[in-house]
């Protein structure tokens, strides 16, 4: 039985809206992952070994620093589920949820493959981890574009409160 206090709690997700924890963690991880993606993509573009090592070191340092936050993001979403947008069909809700969970799986794979590259000096293991890391990064870009497409769909065609839900919790 859900109490009235639980229904009025804007920290936690509700069946039809995100709470402050989800909103803050969503935007923090969004900023971090975008930064890591750009830094990671720029590693190969460096001219000197020293610049490559510096850029890789920055990427690794940020990745390891935020590792627990990213893990929290994954566990939180798996426990809290996805609030359903008002008027959203079950098919669209499941499609969006699948994209979200696939992005979380991509984050998890990168959280594993990144440290594996740093910890192992085995050329075969390191090469495989790098292959996984790069391919997942590319797949994540495609998933993010699909996610942004869904955002634009809501803004342009539905004019509903879906976008507001990830910016501010719904008042009860």
Protein backbone atom coordinates (compact mmCIF):
# COMPACT_ATOMS: atom_id res chain seq x y z
CA UNK A 1 0.00 0.00 0.00
CA UNK A 2 1.41 3.38 -1.05
CA UNK A 3 1.05 6.09 1.57
CA UNK A 4 0.16 9.70 0.78
CA UNK A 5 3.70 10.74 1.81
CA UNK A 6 5.17 8.35 -0.78
CA UNK A 7 2.85 9.76 -3.46
CA UNK A 8 3.95 13.32 -2.62
CA UNK A 9 7.66 12.43 -2.59
CA UNK A 10 9.30 14.15 -5.56
CA UNK A 11 12.65 12.43 -4.91
CA UNK A 12 11.39 9.08 -6.19
CA UNK A 13 9.84 8.13 -9.52
CA UNK A 14 6.08 7.80 -9.71
CA UNK A 15 4.13 5.67 -12.24
CA UNK A 16 3.76 8.70 -14.54
CA UNK A 17 6.79 10.89 -13.73
CA UNK A 18 10.47 10.87 -12.88
CA UNK A 19 11.65 12.00 -9.44
CA UNK A 20 14.59 14.25 -8.59
CA UNK A 21 17.00 11.33 -8.18
CA UNK A 22 16.32 10.07 -11.71
CA UNK A 23 16.37 13.56 -13.19
CA UNK A 24 19.68 14.61 -11.60
CA UNK A 25 21.39 11.28 -12.30
CA UNK A 26 20.09 11.33 -15.91
CA UNK A 27 21.55 14.76 -16.65
CA UNK A 28 24.82 14.15 -14.78
CA UNK A 29 25.45 10.92 -16.67
CA UNK A 30 24.40 12.56 -19.94
CA UNK A 31 27.01 15.30 -19.52
CA UNK A 32 29.68 12.83 -18.40
CA UNK A 33 29.06 10.37 -21.22
CA UNK A 34 29.06 13.12 -23.86
CA UNK A 35 32.37 14.41 -22.48
CA UNK A 36 33.86 10.91 -22.39
CA UNK A 37 32.67 10.23 -25.95
CA UNK A 38 34.30 13.38 -27.33
CA UNK A 39 37.51 12.85 -25.35
CA UNK A 40 37.63 9.20 -26.42
CA UNK A 41 37.08 10.07 -30.08
CA UNK A 42 39.85 12.67 -29.94
CA UNK A 43 42.53 10.28 -28.66
CA UNK A 44 43.43 8.95 -32.13
CA UNK A 45 43.50 12.47 -33.58
CA UNK A 46 46.45 13.55 -31.44
CA UNK A 47 49.80 14.12 -33.18
CA UNK A 48 52.26 12.93 -30.55
CA UNK A 49 52.46 9.92 -28.27
CA UNK A 50 52.56 12.32 -25.30
CA UNK A 51 49.31 13.97 -26.44
CA UNK A 52 47.68 10.57 -27.02
CA UNK A 53 48.74 9.42 -23.55
CA UNK A 54 47.51 12.67 -21.96
CA UNK A 55 44.12 12.45 -23.67
CA UNK A 56 43.78 8.74 -22.85
CA UNK A 57 44.75 9.50 -19.24
CA UNK A 58 42.04 12.16 -19.03
CA UNK A 59 39.47 9.74 -20.48
CA UNK A 60 40.46 6.97 -18.06
CA UNK A 61 40.56 9.31 -15.06
CA UNK A 62 37.07 10.67 -15.73
CA UNK A 63 35.74 7.17 -16.49
CA UNK A 64 37.09 5.69 -13.27
CA UNK A 65 36.03 8.72 -11.22
CA UNK A 66 32.40 8.41 -12.29
CA UNK A 67 32.28 4.60 -12.36
CA UNK A 68 30.15 4.32 -9.20
CA UNK A 69 27.75 7.04 -10.41
CA UNK A 70 27.25 5.17 -13.68
CA UNK A 71 26.71 1.91 -11.79
CA UNK A 72 24.18 3.68 -9.57
CA UNK A 73 22.41 4.98 -12.71
CA UNK A 74 22.04 1.46 -14.07
CA UNK A 75 20.87 -0.11 -10.81
CA UNK A 76 18.50 2.79 -10.08
CA UNK A 77 16.76 2.53 -13.45
CA UNK A 78 16.45 -1.24 -13.21
CA UNK A 79 14.86 -0.91 -9.76
CA UNK A 80 12.63 2.10 -10.44
CA UNK A 81 11.42 1.08 -13.92
CA UNK A 82 10.19 3.60 -16.48
CA UNK A 83 7.30 5.94 -15.81
CA UNK A 84 4.84 5.74 -18.67
CA UNK A 85 4.02 8.90 -20.58
CA UNK A 86 0.39 9.95 -20.58
CA UNK A 87 -1.38 8.67 -23.70
CA UNK A 88 1.61 6.60 -24.82
CA UNK A 89 0.74 3.27 -26.44
CA UNK A 90 2.11 0.11 -24.89
CA UNK A 91 4.15 -0.57 -28.06
CA UNK A 92 5.85 2.86 -27.98
CA UNK A 93 6.44 2.59 -24.23
CA UNK A 94 8.12 -0.81 -24.70
CA UNK A 95 10.16 0.47 -27.65
CA UNK A 96 11.41 3.48 -25.66
CA UNK A 97 12.14 1.28 -22.65
CA UNK A 98 14.11 -1.12 -24.88
CA UNK A 99 16.21 1.77 -26.20
CA UNK A 100 16.83 2.99 -22.63
CA UNK A 101 17.81 -0.48 -21.37
CA UNK A 102 20.05 -1.02 -24.40
CA UNK A 103 21.81 2.27 -23.62
CA UNK A 104 22.25 1.11 -20.01
CA UNK A 105 23.70 -2.19 -21.28
CA UNK A 106 26.08 -0.19 -23.48
CA UNK A 107 27.18 1.88 -20.50
CA UNK A 108 27.76 -1.35 -18.53
CA UNK A 109 29.83 -2.86 -21.36
CA UNK A 110 31.95 0.28 -21.53
CA UNK A 111 32.36 0.26 -17.75
CA UNK A 112 33.79 -3.26 -18.06
CA UNK A 113 35.81 -2.95 -21.27
CA UNK A 114 37.43 0.36 -20.27
CA UNK A 115 39.05 -0.89 -17.06
CA UNK A 116 39.96 -4.20 -18.75
CA UNK A 117 42.08 -2.24 -21.25
CA UNK A 118 43.83 -0.45 -18.39
CA UNK A 119 44.32 -3.45 -16.10
CA UNK A 120 45.50 -6.12 -18.55
CA UNK A 121 48.77 -6.01 -20.45
CA UNK A 122 47.72 -8.97 -22.59
CA UNK A 123 47.60 -7.83 -26.21
CA UNK A 124 44.74 -10.19 -27.08
CA UNK A 125 42.57 -9.20 -24.11
CA UNK A 126 43.37 -5.51 -24.53
CA UNK A 127 42.67 -5.61 -28.27
CA UNK A 128 39.32 -7.35 -27.71
CA UNK A 129 38.35 -4.88 -24.96
CA UNK A 130 39.28 -1.97 -27.24
CA UNK A 131 37.20 -3.45 -30.06
CA UNK A 132 34.20 -3.81 -27.71
CA UNK A 133 34.72 -0.32 -26.28
CA UNK A 134 34.89 1.37 -29.68
CA UNK A 135 31.97 -0.54 -31.19
CA UNK A 136 29.75 0.05 -28.18
CA UNK A 137 30.63 3.77 -28.32
CA UNK A 138 29.48 3.85 -31.95
CA UNK A 139 26.31 1.92 -31.12
CA UNK A 140 25.65 4.31 -28.23
CA UNK A 141 25.77 7.22 -30.65
CA UNK A 142 23.08 5.54 -32.77
CA UNK A 143 20.96 4.83 -29.68
CA UNK A 144 21.29 8.41 -28.46
CA UNK A 145 20.14 9.66 -31.88
CA UNK A 146 17.08 7.38 -31.66
CA UNK A 147 16.47 8.70 -28.12
CA UNK A 148 16.73 12.30 -29.36
CA UNK A 149 14.39 11.41 -32.24
CA UNK A 150 11.82 10.27 -29.68
CA UNK A 151 12.31 13.56 -27.84
CA UNK A 152 11.68 15.53 -31.03
CA UNK A 153 8.63 13.37 -31.77
CA UNK A 154 7.13 14.39 -28.44
CA UNK A 155 7.98 18.06 -28.93
CA UNK A 156 6.72 18.32 -32.51
CA UNK A 157 3.81 15.90 -32.77
CA UNK A 158 2.43 15.28 -29.30
CA UNK A 159 2.91 18.51 -27.40
CA UNK A 160 2.65 16.51 -24.17
CA UNK A 161 4.56 16.78 -20.90
CA UNK A 162 7.07 14.05 -21.71
CA UNK A 163 10.00 16.45 -21.99
CA UNK A 164 9.03 18.30 -18.81
CA UNK A 165 9.06 14.95 -16.95
CA UNK A 166 12.86 14.66 -17.31
CA UNK A 167 13.38 18.28 -16.26
CA UNK A 168 11.08 18.64 -13.26
CA UNK A 169 9.09 16.13 -11.13
CA UNK A 170 5.32 16.23 -11.41
CA UNK A 171 3.65 17.91 -8.43
CA UNK A 172 1.03 15.82 -6.66
